[in-house]
Amino acid sequence: MAAIASDIAARAWGLEVVAEGIQDDPSNRTRFLAIGKIDTLPSGADKTSLILAVPNEAGAVYKMLAPLAENGVSMYRFESRPARTGQWEYYFYVDIEGHRQDPAVAKALSELQARCAFFKVLGSYPRQT
């Protein structure tokens, strides 16, 4: 097991700090996630997190996101981060409404995968209430 957390969290949970100051951006903001290999079942109130990339060409992001709109899948979050290749490439971090097993979400994800140069489902999980 491993965690990226504050010194306070390490002390609270009795964890050993292996490395400090691991950020590569001094104005870093971190969102914490629990990651595992166990797939969650649909709860009826879920989110799915994705990482996507498309070629750097006119209309690519619009075309990439079209399957979400066409299948009635809403986005909670859409952020871009440089791919660090130095070639103006970006990864898009997207949170969508629904579980990847929901029929509309599954159809949208299948269509998204066909349009993306990079496609990864990070997972589906119950929304925070």
C-alpha atoms as a PDB file:
ATOM      1  CA  MET A   1       0.000   0.000   0.000  1.00  0.00           C
ATOM      2  CA  ALA A   2       1.068   3.553  -0.605  1.00  0.00           C
ATOM      3  CA  ALA A   3      -0.376   7.027  -0.229  1.00  0.00           C
ATOM      4  CA  ILE A   4       0.334  10.555  -1.321  1.00  0.00           C
ATOM      5  CA  ALA A   5      -0.720  12.706   1.594  1.00  0.00           C
ATOM      6  CA  SER A   6       0.290  15.418   4.015  1.00  0.00           C
ATOM      7  CA  ASP A   7       2.600  14.964   7.010  1.00  0.00           C
ATOM      8  CA  ILE A   8      -0.480  15.378   9.216  1.00  0.00           C
ATOM      9  CA  ALA A   9      -2.222  12.462   7.464  1.00  0.00           C
ATOM     10  CA  ALA A  10       0.914  10.316   7.764  1.00  0.00           C
ATOM     11  CA  ARG A  11       1.022  10.908  11.524  1.00  0.00           C
ATOM     12  CA  ALA A  12      -2.732  10.346  11.928  1.00  0.00           C
ATOM     13  CA  TRP A  13      -2.584   7.005  10.092  1.00  0.00           C
ATOM     14  CA  GLY A  14       0.800   5.882  11.438  1.00  0.00           C
ATOM     15  CA  LEU A  15       2.407   5.890   7.978  1.00  0.00           C
ATOM     16  CA  GLU A  16       6.099   6.052   7.141  1.00  0.00           C
ATOM     17  CA  VAL A  17       7.050   9.045   4.987  1.00  0.00           C
ATOM     18  CA  VAL A  18       9.208   7.734   2.141  1.00  0.00           C
ATOM     19  CA  ALA A  19       9.635  10.973   0.162  1.00  0.00           C
ATOM     20  CA  GLU A  20       8.733  14.624   0.710  1.00  0.00           C
ATOM     21  CA  GLY A  21       8.163  17.473  -1.736  1.00  0.00           C
ATOM     22  CA  ILE A  22       7.297  15.168  -4.646  1.00  0.00           C
ATOM     23  CA  GLN A  23       5.234  17.763  -6.521  1.00  0.00           C
ATOM     24  CA  ASP A  24       6.672  19.122  -9.752  1.00  0.00           C
ATOM     25  CA  ASP A  25       4.679  22.354  -9.671  1.00  0.00           C
ATOM     26  CA  PRO A  26       4.984  24.760  -6.713  1.00  0.00           C
ATOM     27  CA  SER A  27       1.347  25.863  -7.132  1.00  0.00           C
ATOM     28  CA  ASN A  28       0.168  22.254  -7.154  1.00  0.00           C
ATOM     29  CA  ARG A  29      -3.391  21.433  -6.053  1.00  0.00           C
ATOM     30  CA  THR A  30      -4.054  17.794  -5.315  1.00  0.00           C
ATOM     31  CA  ARG A  31      -7.225  15.760  -5.492  1.00  0.00           C
ATOM     32  CA  PHE A  32      -6.998  12.537  -3.492  1.00  0.00           C
ATOM     33  CA  LEU A  33      -8.415   9.248  -4.699  1.00  0.00           C
ATOM     34  CA  ALA A  34      -8.533   5.723  -3.343  1.00  0.00           C
ATOM     35  CA  ILE A  35      -7.455   3.362  -6.115  1.00  0.00           C
ATOM     36  CA  GLY A  36      -7.864  -0.381  -6.091  1.00  0.00           C
ATOM     37  CA  LYS A  37      -8.424  -3.380  -8.325  1.00  0.00           C
ATOM     38  CA  ILE A  38     -11.941  -4.141  -7.107  1.00  0.00           C
ATOM     39  CA  ASP A  39     -14.618  -2.934  -9.511  1.00  0.00           C
ATOM     40  CA  THR A  40     -17.588  -1.254  -7.854  1.00  0.00           C
ATOM     41  CA  LEU A  41     -21.084  -2.221  -8.900  1.00  0.00           C
ATOM     42  CA  PRO A  42     -23.577   0.418 -10.048  1.00  0.00           C
ATOM     43  CA  SER A  43     -25.216   2.183  -7.102  1.00  0.00           C
ATOM     44  CA  GLY A  44     -27.646   4.322  -9.074  1.00  0.00           C
ATOM     45  CA  ALA A  45     -25.741   7.491  -8.102  1.00  0.00           C
ATOM     46  CA  ASP A  46     -22.301   7.091  -9.666  1.00  0.00           C
ATOM     47  CA  LYS A  47     -19.462   8.941 -11.368  1.00  0.00           C
ATOM     48  CA  THR A  48     -16.928   7.626 -13.850  1.00  0.00           C
ATOM     49  CA  SER A  49     -13.458   9.167 -14.239  1.00  0.00           C
ATOM     50  CA  LEU A  50     -11.586   9.135 -17.554  1.00  0.00           C
ATOM     51  CA  ILE A  51      -8.324  10.289 -19.097  1.00  0.00           C
ATOM     52  CA  LEU A  52      -8.561  11.154 -22.800  1.00  0.00           C
ATOM     53  CA  ALA A  53      -6.332  12.613 -25.501  1.00  0.00           C
ATOM     54  CA  VAL A  54      -6.894  13.583 -29.110  1.00  0.00           C
ATOM     55  CA  PRO A  55      -4.608  14.815 -31.890  1.00  0.00           C
ATOM     56  CA  ASN A  56      -3.921  18.560 -31.909  1.00  0.00           C
ATOM     57  CA  GLU A  57      -6.237  19.555 -34.760  1.00  0.00           C
ATOM     58  CA  ALA A  58      -9.197  21.866 -35.243  1.00  0.00           C
ATOM     59  CA  GLY A  59     -12.400  20.528 -33.707  1.00  0.00           C
ATOM     60  CA  ALA A  60     -10.759  17.501 -32.078  1.00  0.00           C
ATOM     61  CA  VAL A  61     -12.056  18.222 -28.564  1.00  0.00           C
ATOM     62  CA  TYR A  62     -15.546  18.967 -29.878  1.00  0.00           C
ATOM     63  CA  LYS A  63     -15.585  15.681 -31.802  1.00  0.00           C
ATOM     64  CA  MET A  64     -14.178  13.823 -28.802  1.00  0.00           C
ATOM     65  CA  LEU A  65     -16.958  15.007 -26.481  1.00  0.00           C
ATOM     66  CA  ALA A  66     -19.847  14.564 -28.932  1.00  0.00           C
ATOM     67  CA  PRO A  67     -20.645  10.963 -27.811  1.00  0.00           C
ATOM     68  CA  LEU A  68     -21.375  12.232 -24.303  1.00  0.00           C
ATOM     69  CA  ALA A  69     -23.960  14.727 -25.560  1.00  0.00           C
ATOM     70  CA  GLU A  70     -25.388  12.275 -28.106  1.00  0.00           C
ATOM     71  CA  ASN A  71     -25.973   9.694 -25.347  1.00  0.00           C
ATOM     72  CA  GLY A  72     -27.258  12.128 -22.710  1.00  0.00           C
ATOM     73  CA  VAL A  73     -24.241  11.736 -20.403  1.00  0.00           C
ATOM     74  CA  SER A  74     -23.393  14.825 -18.321  1.00  0.00           C
ATOM     75  CA  MET A  75     -19.903  15.926 -17.302  1.00  0.00           C
ATOM     76  CA  TYR A  76     -19.058  16.951 -13.746  1.00  0.00           C
ATOM     77  CA  ARG A  77     -15.484  17.978 -14.504  1.00  0.00           C
ATOM     78  CA  PHE A  78     -13.309  18.642 -17.546  1.00  0.00           C
ATOM     79  CA  GLU A  79      -9.664  19.618 -17.050  1.00  0.00           C
ATOM     80  CA  SER A  80      -6.672  19.641 -19.348  1.00  0.00           C
ATOM     81  CA  ARG A  81      -3.069  19.031 -18.412  1.00  0.00           C
ATOM     82  CA  PRO A  82      -0.003  19.173 -20.679  1.00  0.00           C
ATOM     83  CA  ALA A  83       1.208  15.741 -21.787  1.00  0.00           C
ATOM     84  CA  ARG A  84       4.807  16.863 -21.084  1.00  0.00           C
ATOM     85  CA  THR A  85       5.969  15.867 -24.533  1.00  0.00           C
ATOM     86  CA  GLY A  86       6.709  19.491 -25.401  1.00  0.00           C
ATOM     87  CA  GLN A  87       4.552  19.186 -28.521  1.00  0.00           C
ATOM     88  CA  TRP A  88       1.366  21.023 -27.405  1.00  0.00           C
ATOM     89  CA  GLU A  89      -0.351  17.756 -26.536  1.00  0.00           C
ATOM     90  CA  TYR A  90      -2.811  17.546 -23.663  1.00  0.00           C
ATOM     91  CA  TYR A  91      -4.543  14.930 -21.548  1.00  0.00           C
ATOM     92  CA  PHE A  92      -8.131  15.621 -20.586  1.00  0.00           C
ATOM     93  CA  TYR A  93      -9.342  14.486 -17.176  1.00  0.00           C
ATOM     94  CA  VAL A  94     -13.094  14.012 -17.275  1.00  0.00           C
ATOM     95  CA  ASP A  95     -15.640  13.012 -14.655  1.00  0.00           C
ATOM     96  CA  ILE A  96     -19.008  11.970 -16.054  1.00  0.00           C
ATOM     97  CA  GLU A  97     -22.341  11.110 -14.502  1.00  0.00           C
ATOM     98  CA  GLY A  98     -23.173   7.419 -14.295  1.00  0.00           C
ATOM     99  CA  HIS A  99     -21.470   4.043 -14.014  1.00  0.00           C
ATOM    100  CA  ARG A 100     -19.564   2.546 -16.940  1.00  0.00           C
ATOM    101  CA  GLN A 101     -22.013  -0.380 -16.915  1.00  0.00           C
ATOM    102  CA  ASP A 102     -25.029   1.933 -17.416  1.00  0.00           C
ATOM    103  CA  PRO A 103     -26.230   1.430 -21.020  1.00  0.00           C
ATOM    104  CA  ALA A 104     -25.958   5.108 -22.084  1.00  0.00           C
ATOM    105  CA  VAL A 105     -22.543   5.502 -20.441  1.00  0.00           C
ATOM    106  CA  ALA A 106     -21.251   2.228 -21.933  1.00  0.00           C
ATOM    107  CA  LYS A 107     -22.340   3.340 -25.417  1.00  0.00           C
ATOM    108  CA  ALA A 108     -20.765   6.790 -24.979  1.00  0.00           C
ATOM    109  CA  LEU A 109     -17.500   5.254 -23.715  1.00  0.00           C
ATOM    110  CA  SER A 110     -17.333   2.869 -26.669  1.00  0.00           C
ATOM    111  CA  GLU A 111     -17.768   5.774 -29.090  1.00  0.00           C
ATOM    112  CA  LEU A 112     -15.265   7.915 -27.156  1.00  0.00           C
ATOM    113  CA  GLN A 113     -12.654   5.168 -27.309  1.00  0.00           C
ATOM    114  CA  ALA A 114     -12.996   5.005 -31.096  1.00  0.00           C
ATOM    115  CA  ARG A 115     -12.354   8.781 -31.385  1.00  0.00           C
ATOM    116  CA  CYS A 116      -9.460   9.183 -28.936  1.00  0.00           C
ATOM    117  CA  ALA A 117      -5.738   8.797 -29.445  1.00  0.00           C
ATOM    118  CA  PHE A 118      -5.580   7.847 -25.739  1.00  0.00           C
ATOM    119  CA  PHE A 119      -8.497   6.489 -23.687  1.00  0.00           C
ATOM    120  CA  LYS A 120      -8.466   5.187 -20.119  1.00  0.00           C
ATOM    121  CA  VAL A 121     -11.315   4.591 -17.707  1.00  0.00           C
ATOM    122  CA  LEU A 122      -9.951   5.198 -14.219  1.00  0.00           C
ATOM    123  CA  GLY A 123     -13.085   3.739 -12.688  1.00  0.00           C
ATOM    124  CA  SER A 124     -16.696   4.125 -11.696  1.00  0.00           C
ATOM    125  CA  TYR A 125     -17.668   4.806  -8.095  1.00  0.00           C
ATOM    126  CA  PRO A 126     -20.536   6.159  -5.993  1.00  0.00           C
ATOM    127  CA  ARG A 127     -20.863   9.953  -6.016  1.00  0.00           C
ATOM    128  CA  GLN A 128     -20.128  11.716  -2.765  1.00  0.00           C
ATOM    129  CA  THR A 129     -23.377  12.743  -1.117  1.00  0.00           C
END
